Protein backbone atom coordinates (compact mmCIF):
# COMPACT_ATOMS: atom_id res chain seq x y z
CA MET A 1 -125.31 -61.78 60.81
CA LYS A 2 -126.00 -59.47 64.08
CA PRO A 3 -122.93 -57.20 63.55
CA LEU A 4 -124.26 -56.84 59.58
CA TRP A 5 -128.00 -55.42 61.58
CA PRO A 6 -126.08 -52.30 61.73
CA LEU A 7 -124.62 -51.60 58.50
CA TYR A 8 -128.07 -52.55 57.13
CA ALA A 9 -129.37 -49.29 59.29
CA ALA A 10 -127.12 -47.19 57.83
CA GLY A 11 -128.54 -48.48 54.47
CA PHE A 12 -132.24 -47.59 55.82
CA THR A 13 -130.25 -44.05 57.31
CA THR A 14 -128.99 -42.88 54.12
CA ALA A 15 -132.30 -43.97 52.03
CA PHE A 16 -134.85 -42.52 53.95
CA GLY A 17 -132.61 -39.45 54.61
CA ALA A 18 -132.57 -38.86 50.61
CA HIS A 19 -136.15 -39.52 49.77
CA GLY A 20 -137.55 -38.58 53.10
CA ILE A 21 -136.14 -35.14 53.00
CA ALA A 22 -136.48 -34.44 49.34
CA ALA A 23 -139.95 -35.89 48.69
CA ASN A 24 -140.55 -33.23 51.32
CA LEU A 25 -138.83 -29.97 50.52
CA GLY A 26 -141.37 -28.77 48.30
CA GLY A 27 -144.28 -29.84 50.66
CA PHE A 28 -146.75 -27.28 52.86
CA SER A 29 -145.13 -26.75 55.89
CA GLU A 30 -144.25 -22.88 56.54
CA ASP A 31 -140.46 -23.72 56.26
CA ALA A 32 -140.77 -25.36 52.93
CA VAL A 33 -139.24 -24.62 49.88
CA THR A 34 -141.73 -23.00 47.45
CA SER A 35 -139.29 -22.27 44.56
CA LEU A 36 -138.95 -24.66 41.68
CA LEU A 37 -135.30 -23.51 41.35
CA VAL A 38 -134.29 -23.75 44.71
CA LEU A 39 -136.07 -26.88 45.27
CA GLY A 40 -133.67 -28.07 42.13
CA ALA A 41 -130.99 -26.66 43.20
CA LEU A 42 -131.39 -28.27 46.98
CA LEU A 43 -131.99 -31.59 45.26
CA ALA A 44 -128.67 -31.32 43.21
CA LEU A 45 -126.50 -30.51 45.98
CA TYR A 46 -126.92 -33.03 48.00
CA ASP A 47 -126.35 -35.78 45.33
CA GLY A 48 -123.39 -33.20 43.73
CA ALA A 49 -121.55 -34.08 46.95
CA GLU A 50 -122.30 -38.08 47.05
CA VAL A 51 -120.78 -38.17 42.94
CA VAL A 52 -117.50 -36.21 44.35
CA LEU A 53 -117.29 -37.67 48.05
CA LYS A 54 -117.81 -41.47 47.88
CA PRO A 55 -115.02 -42.90 45.18
CA VAL A 56 -112.72 -40.72 48.10
CA PHE A 57 -114.45 -41.87 51.36
CA GLY A 58 -114.45 -45.51 49.83
CA SER A 59 -110.36 -45.17 49.90
CA LEU A 60 -110.52 -43.65 52.89
CA ALA A 61 -111.97 -46.61 54.39
CA ASP A 62 -109.34 -48.75 52.90
CA ARG A 63 -106.46 -46.90 54.13
CA ILE A 64 -107.51 -46.27 58.24
CA GLY A 65 -110.73 -48.59 58.05
CA GLY A 66 -114.35 -49.10 57.50
CA LYS A 67 -115.59 -48.13 60.85
CA PRO A 68 -113.88 -44.74 61.60
CA VAL A 69 -115.13 -43.85 58.25
CA LEU A 70 -119.03 -45.00 58.89
CA LEU A 71 -118.96 -43.44 62.25
CA GLY A 72 -117.71 -40.85 61.42
CA GLY A 73 -120.03 -40.31 58.47
CA LEU A 74 -122.96 -41.12 60.82
CA ILE A 75 -121.90 -38.49 63.61
CA ALA A 76 -121.59 -35.79 60.49
CA PHE A 77 -125.15 -36.64 59.09
CA ALA A 78 -126.24 -36.16 62.97
CA ALA A 79 -124.60 -32.80 63.08
CA ALA A 80 -125.73 -31.43 59.66
CA SER A 81 -129.31 -33.00 60.39
CA ALA A 82 -129.47 -31.14 63.48
CA LEU A 83 -127.85 -28.11 62.26
CA TYR A 84 -131.20 -27.06 60.35
CA ALA A 85 -133.36 -28.48 63.24
CA VAL A 86 -131.73 -26.14 65.59
CA ALA A 87 -131.18 -23.07 63.13
CA ASP A 88 -133.40 -20.00 63.42
CA SER A 89 -133.05 -19.01 59.50
CA PRO A 90 -134.16 -21.12 56.26
CA GLY A 91 -130.49 -20.26 55.00
CA TRP A 92 -128.93 -22.56 57.31
CA LEU A 93 -130.86 -25.29 55.09
CA TRP A 94 -128.37 -24.76 52.38
CA ALA A 95 -125.83 -25.71 54.76
CA ALA A 96 -127.30 -28.66 56.28
CA ARG A 97 -128.07 -30.11 53.17
CA LEU A 98 -125.01 -30.12 51.39
CA GLY A 99 -123.22 -31.56 55.40
CA GLN A 100 -125.87 -34.19 54.72
CA GLY A 101 -124.63 -35.28 51.06
CA ALA A 102 -121.11 -35.20 52.45
CA ALA A 103 -121.67 -37.53 55.49
CA ALA A 104 -123.45 -39.75 53.37
CA SER A 105 -120.76 -40.00 50.78
CA ALA A 106 -119.29 -41.66 54.03
CA PHE A 107 -121.03 -43.89 55.49
CA SER A 108 -122.52 -45.63 52.67
CA PRO A 109 -119.90 -46.85 50.82
CA SER A 110 -118.02 -47.88 54.18
CA ALA A 111 -121.16 -49.50 54.96
CA SER A 112 -121.43 -52.35 51.67
CA ALA A 113 -117.57 -52.23 52.28
CA MET A 114 -117.67 -53.93 55.53
CA VAL A 115 -120.67 -55.87 54.53
CA ALA A 116 -118.23 -57.56 52.19
CA ARG A 117 -114.96 -57.67 54.49
CA LEU A 118 -117.12 -59.26 57.55
CA THR A 119 -119.01 -61.95 55.19
CA PRO A 120 -117.51 -64.85 53.54
CA ALA A 121 -117.47 -64.90 49.88
CA ALA A 122 -120.14 -67.74 50.21
CA GLY A 123 -122.85 -65.61 51.72
CA HIS A 124 -122.20 -62.20 50.03
CA GLY A 125 -125.59 -62.56 47.82
CA ARG A 126 -127.77 -62.96 50.75
CA ALA A 127 -126.00 -60.03 53.13
CA PHE A 128 -126.15 -58.09 50.00
CA GLY A 129 -129.88 -58.92 49.69
CA GLY A 130 -130.26 -57.67 53.01
CA TYR A 131 -128.78 -54.98 52.70
CA GLY A 132 -130.62 -54.06 49.31
CA PHE A 133 -133.67 -55.10 51.57
CA SER A 134 -132.99 -52.30 54.09
CA LYS A 135 -132.18 -49.41 51.82
CA SER A 136 -135.33 -50.28 49.36
CA ILE A 137 -137.31 -49.64 52.98
CA GLY A 138 -135.51 -46.52 53.69
CA TYR A 139 -136.83 -45.57 50.38
CA THR A 140 -140.49 -46.68 50.47
CA LEU A 141 -140.73 -45.37 54.39
CA GLY A 142 -138.78 -41.98 53.88
CA PRO A 143 -141.73 -40.17 51.55
CA LEU A 144 -144.30 -41.35 53.69
CA LEU A 145 -143.31 -40.86 57.19
CA GLY A 146 -141.38 -37.39 56.35
CA GLY A 147 -144.61 -36.47 55.62
CA VAL A 148 -146.36 -37.33 58.59
CA LEU A 149 -143.34 -35.77 60.43
CA VAL A 150 -143.13 -32.54 58.02
CA GLN A 151 -147.55 -32.10 58.66
CA VAL A 152 -146.81 -32.60 62.77
CA GLY A 153 -143.87 -30.01 62.61
CA GLY A 154 -142.55 -28.83 59.75
CA LEU A 155 -138.90 -30.01 57.88
CA ARG A 156 -137.08 -28.97 61.19
CA LEU A 157 -138.99 -31.73 63.15
CA LEU A 158 -138.13 -34.21 60.30
CA PHE A 159 -134.04 -33.24 60.23
CA ALA A 160 -134.31 -33.56 64.11
CA VAL A 161 -135.77 -37.18 63.51
CA MET A 162 -133.05 -38.15 60.80
CA ALA A 163 -130.04 -36.56 63.65
CA GLY A 164 -131.44 -39.07 66.12
CA CYS A 165 -131.55 -41.70 63.83
CA ALA A 166 -128.18 -41.49 62.91
CA VAL A 167 -126.63 -41.08 66.31
CA ALA A 168 -128.78 -44.16 67.56
CA VAL A 169 -127.11 -46.49 64.42
CA ALA A 170 -123.37 -44.52 65.43
CA LEU A 171 -124.17 -46.18 68.97
CA TRP A 172 -125.37 -49.02 67.53
CA ALA A 173 -122.19 -49.60 65.12
CA VAL A 174 -120.00 -48.91 68.07
CA PHE A 175 -120.77 -51.85 69.93
CA ALA A 176 -121.97 -54.51 67.40
CA VAL A 177 -119.88 -53.75 64.13
CA PRO A 178 -116.18 -55.14 65.05
CA ALA A 179 -113.24 -53.07 63.48
CA VAL A 180 -112.22 -53.79 60.31
CA PRO A 181 -108.62 -53.24 60.03
CA PRO A 182 -107.09 -52.04 57.08
CA LEU A 183 -104.90 -54.47 54.74
CA PRO A 184 -101.50 -54.04 53.45
CA ARG A 185 -101.79 -52.87 50.12
CA ALA A 186 -99.22 -52.66 47.18
CA ARG A 187 -98.54 -49.46 45.63
CA GLN A 188 -101.27 -48.63 43.33
CA THR A 189 -101.07 -45.72 40.48
CA LEU A 190 -103.40 -43.51 38.59
CA ALA A 191 -102.69 -46.05 35.42
CA ASP A 192 -103.37 -49.07 38.01
CA LEU A 193 -106.77 -47.40 38.93
CA ALA A 194 -107.91 -47.20 35.49
CA ARG A 195 -107.04 -50.76 34.36
CA ARG A 196 -109.04 -51.88 37.37
CA LEU A 197 -112.31 -49.57 37.07
CA ALA A 198 -111.87 -50.25 33.30
CA ASP A 199 -111.83 -54.01 33.46
CA ARG A 200 -115.15 -56.11 32.47
CA SER A 201 -115.34 -57.57 35.89
CA PHE A 202 -116.18 -54.01 37.53
CA LEU A 203 -117.10 -52.30 34.36
CA ALA A 204 -120.59 -54.97 34.12
CA PRO A 205 -122.00 -55.52 37.29
CA THR A 206 -121.46 -51.39 37.88
CA ALA A 207 -123.24 -50.46 34.52
CA ALA A 208 -126.05 -53.03 35.33
CA LEU A 209 -126.72 -50.93 38.68
CA ALA A 210 -126.53 -48.29 36.95
CA ALA A 211 -129.14 -49.03 34.82
CA ALA A 212 -130.77 -50.30 37.39
CA THR A 213 -131.06 -47.23 39.84
CA ALA A 214 -131.98 -45.31 36.44
CA ALA A 215 -135.07 -47.12 36.01
CA LEU A 216 -135.81 -46.90 39.68
CA SER A 217 -135.21 -43.28 39.46
CA VAL A 218 -137.79 -43.05 36.26
CA GLY A 219 -140.36 -45.36 37.75
CA VAL A 220 -140.47 -43.29 41.03
CA GLY A 221 -140.20 -40.17 39.37
CA PHE A 222 -142.16 -40.76 35.93
CA LEU A 223 -144.94 -42.86 36.71
CA PRO A 224 -147.14 -40.60 38.78
CA VAL A 225 -147.15 -38.17 35.80
CA SER A 226 -148.47 -41.11 33.63
CA GLY A 227 -150.86 -42.47 36.10
CA ALA A 228 -152.41 -38.37 36.36
CA ALA A 229 -152.03 -37.98 32.82
CA ALA A 230 -154.50 -41.08 32.47
CA GLY A 231 -156.66 -39.29 35.21
CA LEU A 232 -155.66 -41.48 38.25
CA GLY A 233 -155.99 -40.23 41.59
CA THR A 234 -153.09 -39.62 43.82
CA VAL A 235 -153.89 -42.45 46.09
CA ALA A 236 -153.31 -44.73 42.93
CA THR A 237 -150.07 -43.26 41.72
CA GLY A 238 -149.03 -43.24 45.01
CA ALA A 239 -149.98 -47.56 44.89
CA ALA A 240 -147.89 -47.69 42.39
CA VAL A 241 -144.66 -46.34 43.28
CA SER A 242 -145.06 -48.07 46.95
CA VAL A 243 -145.63 -51.36 44.78
CA LEU A 244 -142.60 -50.74 42.99
CA ALA A 245 -140.32 -50.51 46.05
CA ALA A 246 -141.75 -52.91 47.90
CA THR A 247 -141.62 -55.45 45.25
CA ALA A 248 -137.93 -54.48 44.79
CA ALA A 249 -137.75 -55.01 48.89
CA LEU A 250 -138.72 -58.54 48.53
CA VAL A 251 -137.19 -59.13 46.00
CA GLN A 252 -133.78 -58.84 46.99
CA PRO A 253 -133.54 -61.05 49.54
CA TRP A 254 -134.45 -63.97 47.30
CA ALA A 255 -132.09 -63.12 44.93
CA GLY A 256 -129.22 -63.47 47.28
CA ARG A 257 -130.05 -66.47 48.82
CA ALA A 258 -130.53 -68.25 45.03
CA LEU A 259 -126.81 -66.84 44.07
CA ASP A 260 -125.48 -68.16 47.39
CA SER A 261 -127.71 -72.06 47.28
CA GLY A 262 -126.63 -71.71 43.42
CA ARG A 263 -130.36 -71.94 41.87
CA LEU A 264 -128.97 -68.64 40.20
CA THR A 265 -125.63 -66.79 38.72
CA THR A 266 -124.34 -63.63 38.65
CA ARG A 267 -124.56 -63.52 34.75
CA ALA A 268 -128.41 -64.59 34.44
CA GLY A 269 -129.46 -62.72 36.93
CA LEU A 270 -127.95 -59.91 36.14
CA LEU A 271 -129.56 -60.39 32.29
CA THR A 272 -132.63 -61.30 33.33
CA GLY A 273 -133.11 -58.26 35.73
CA LEU A 274 -132.02 -55.93 33.30
CA LEU A 275 -134.69 -57.77 30.50
CA VAL A 276 -137.55 -57.57 33.25
CA THR A 277 -136.49 -53.96 34.07
CA ALA A 278 -136.36 -53.11 30.14
CA ALA A 279 -140.38 -54.68 30.12
CA GLY A 280 -141.41 -52.70 33.13
CA LEU A 281 -139.81 -49.38 31.03
CA ALA A 282 -142.05 -50.79 27.81
CA ALA A 283 -145.52 -51.51 29.49
CA ALA A 284 -145.03 -47.81 31.00
CA THR A 285 -146.49 -47.51 27.71
CA VAL A 286 -149.68 -48.45 27.97
CA PRO A 287 -151.83 -46.02 29.41
CA GLY A 288 -154.10 -46.41 32.56
CA LEU A 289 -154.25 -48.15 35.62
CA THR A 290 -152.95 -51.74 33.96
CA GLY A 291 -149.82 -49.83 32.27
CA VAL A 292 -148.59 -48.03 35.65
CA LEU A 293 -149.00 -51.06 38.03
CA ALA A 294 -147.39 -53.66 35.45
CA ALA A 295 -144.30 -51.24 35.01
CA ALA A 296 -144.19 -50.80 38.78
CA ALA A 297 -144.16 -54.54 39.59
CA LEU A 298 -141.48 -55.16 36.84
CA VAL A 299 -139.18 -52.98 37.27
CA GLY A 300 -139.40 -53.72 41.21
CA ALA A 301 -138.47 -57.22 39.96
CA GLY A 302 -136.11 -56.10 37.71
CA THR A 303 -134.01 -53.78 39.56
CA GLY A 304 -134.41 -56.20 43.09
CA LEU A 305 -132.84 -58.60 41.49
CA ILE A 306 -129.94 -56.69 39.75
CA THR A 307 -129.00 -54.68 42.96
CA PRO A 308 -127.53 -57.66 45.22
CA LEU A 309 -126.22 -59.90 42.19
CA GLY A 310 -124.16 -56.67 41.09
CA PHE A 311 -122.72 -55.59 44.61
CA ALA A 312 -121.99 -59.32 45.11
CA ALA A 313 -120.17 -59.57 41.89
CA LEU A 314 -118.35 -56.56 42.67
CA ALA A 315 -117.31 -58.17 46.30
CA ALA A 316 -115.96 -61.32 44.44
CA SER A 317 -113.65 -59.60 41.97
CA THR A 318 -112.26 -56.98 44.19
CA PRO A 319 -109.27 -57.82 46.51
CA PRO A 320 -110.43 -57.00 50.32
CA GLU A 321 -107.64 -54.20 50.55
CA ARG A 322 -109.58 -51.93 47.96
CA MET A 323 -113.24 -53.10 49.06
CA GLY A 324 -113.72 -49.21 49.90
CA GLN A 325 -112.54 -48.46 46.64
CA THR A 326 -114.44 -50.56 44.26
CA MET A 327 -117.76 -49.50 46.68
CA GLY A 328 -117.40 -45.87 46.61
CA SER A 329 -116.47 -46.41 42.75
CA ALA A 330 -119.69 -48.39 42.14
CA GLU A 331 -121.97 -46.01 44.07
CA LEU A 332 -120.64 -43.20 41.76
CA GLY A 333 -121.81 -45.29 39.03
CA ARG A 334 -125.24 -45.36 40.34
CA GLU A 335 -125.37 -41.77 41.39
CA LEU A 336 -124.62 -41.28 37.30
CA GLY A 337 -127.71 -43.66 36.78
CA ASP A 338 -129.98 -42.02 39.16
CA ALA A 339 -129.09 -38.16 37.73
CA GLY A 340 -128.80 -39.47 33.89
CA GLY A 341 -131.98 -41.63 33.72
CA PRO A 342 -134.46 -39.30 34.18
CA LEU A 343 -132.98 -36.90 31.97
CA LEU A 344 -132.57 -39.17 29.16
CA VAL A 345 -136.75 -39.82 29.91
CA ALA A 346 -137.49 -35.79 30.21
CA GLY A 347 -135.20 -34.90 27.65
CA VAL A 348 -136.60 -37.52 25.06
CA ALA A 349 -140.29 -36.53 26.34
CA THR A 350 -139.47 -32.86 25.81
CA VAL A 351 -140.05 -33.41 21.89
CA SER A 352 -142.17 -36.05 21.87
CA THR A 353 -144.06 -38.13 24.25
CA LEU A 354 -143.11 -39.41 28.09
CA ALA A 355 -143.63 -42.83 26.68
CA TYR A 356 -141.07 -42.27 24.17
CA GLY A 357 -138.61 -41.22 26.68
CA TYR A 358 -139.90 -44.95 28.87
CA ALA A 359 -139.01 -46.89 25.47
CA ALA A 360 -135.49 -44.89 24.71
CA LEU A 361 -134.36 -46.23 28.36
CA ALA A 362 -136.09 -49.66 27.50
CA VAL A 363 -133.93 -49.75 24.29
CA LEU A 364 -130.86 -48.94 26.46
CA LEU A 365 -131.34 -51.41 28.54
CA VAL A 366 -132.10 -53.96 26.32
CA LEU A 367 -128.77 -53.10 24.29
CA GLY A 368 -127.27 -53.06 27.79
CA ALA A 369 -128.32 -57.20 28.19
CA VAL A 370 -127.21 -57.52 24.50
CA LEU A 371 -123.60 -56.54 25.00
CA TYR A 372 -123.43 -57.91 28.36
CA ARG A 373 -124.20 -61.56 27.06
CA GLY A 374 -121.87 -61.20 24.57
CA ARG A 375 -118.88 -60.01 26.55
CA THR A 376 -119.48 -63.10 29.05
CA ALA A 377 -120.54 -65.65 26.65
CA GLU A 378 -117.59 -67.36 26.52
CA ALA A 379 -116.68 -67.07 31.17
CA PRO A 380 -120.49 -67.27 32.54
CA SER A 381 -120.23 -66.29 36.53
């Protein structure tokens, strides 16, 4: 287990960096971003780099080994963060944010691929449960600790802390993570890749992971809006988001252990996770604190079920020599869900109400569960 801890720390770093900085770019420090247009562009810059580069770096990890890509990504993340921390002009924020996104695209899929390579197949559930737990903690603490740092020293202090965090994790990984050499691979054409990524063993868990990420992003972004519309204060709405993140963090290790022990199957877990998440989105249509808290708890529980089981299913169905490529492609699916969920809910809410936006995403998740159940009825996993 010890070689996995730096990989878990890398997962925490990418989550803490993404949410800690994103949640505070529009804060109240002197160097905060004050234009909504600029804020949106900076957020899109980071995510856009991840969408484009994660499959590329995942394939590179298969070619040269996961550890060099992991370390290179962490060092690049530290350098990009330090760039803005020491720069005199806020204009360097653009370069720093792009660099962070590109660097996270390297070490995030490399870390998840190495979790799979360093763990026996019978322990994949527990390993990915721990990895998901560490990322959930990063998502939970990022906005809170980031806000404290921004209040004390502005965005530049937050970027400096992120640089230090990445350097510390890189040094830890140098000594604690064993080298995972690349395995011999048969030549793969684009048609071969397309067939493999179109296979049900890849599409089903990746679609479930994308759905979970979409719901999680919607919960974090829109539940505070629902709470405010119901007259709730920032403390109550902030607590609701914390309930969501904390529930997801607690459920993931349990789900992983249950999978490894045979008490839970991938098929049953993903189906249950999709339906529980859909129930959470449906609960969000109920006005007031009850609806917000119920939605937070259910979405957290559902996404907490899906995440480790989805990654364990991908690891089980992927040849070890292609693990990085699969994890990078799956991360691309998650990024698309991260962007698509809020866009869907916002689009529906624009022409109707936010409740209908929640309901639309809930219906899609239920349809996904029905399709998944039908396609796996003859061969449960």
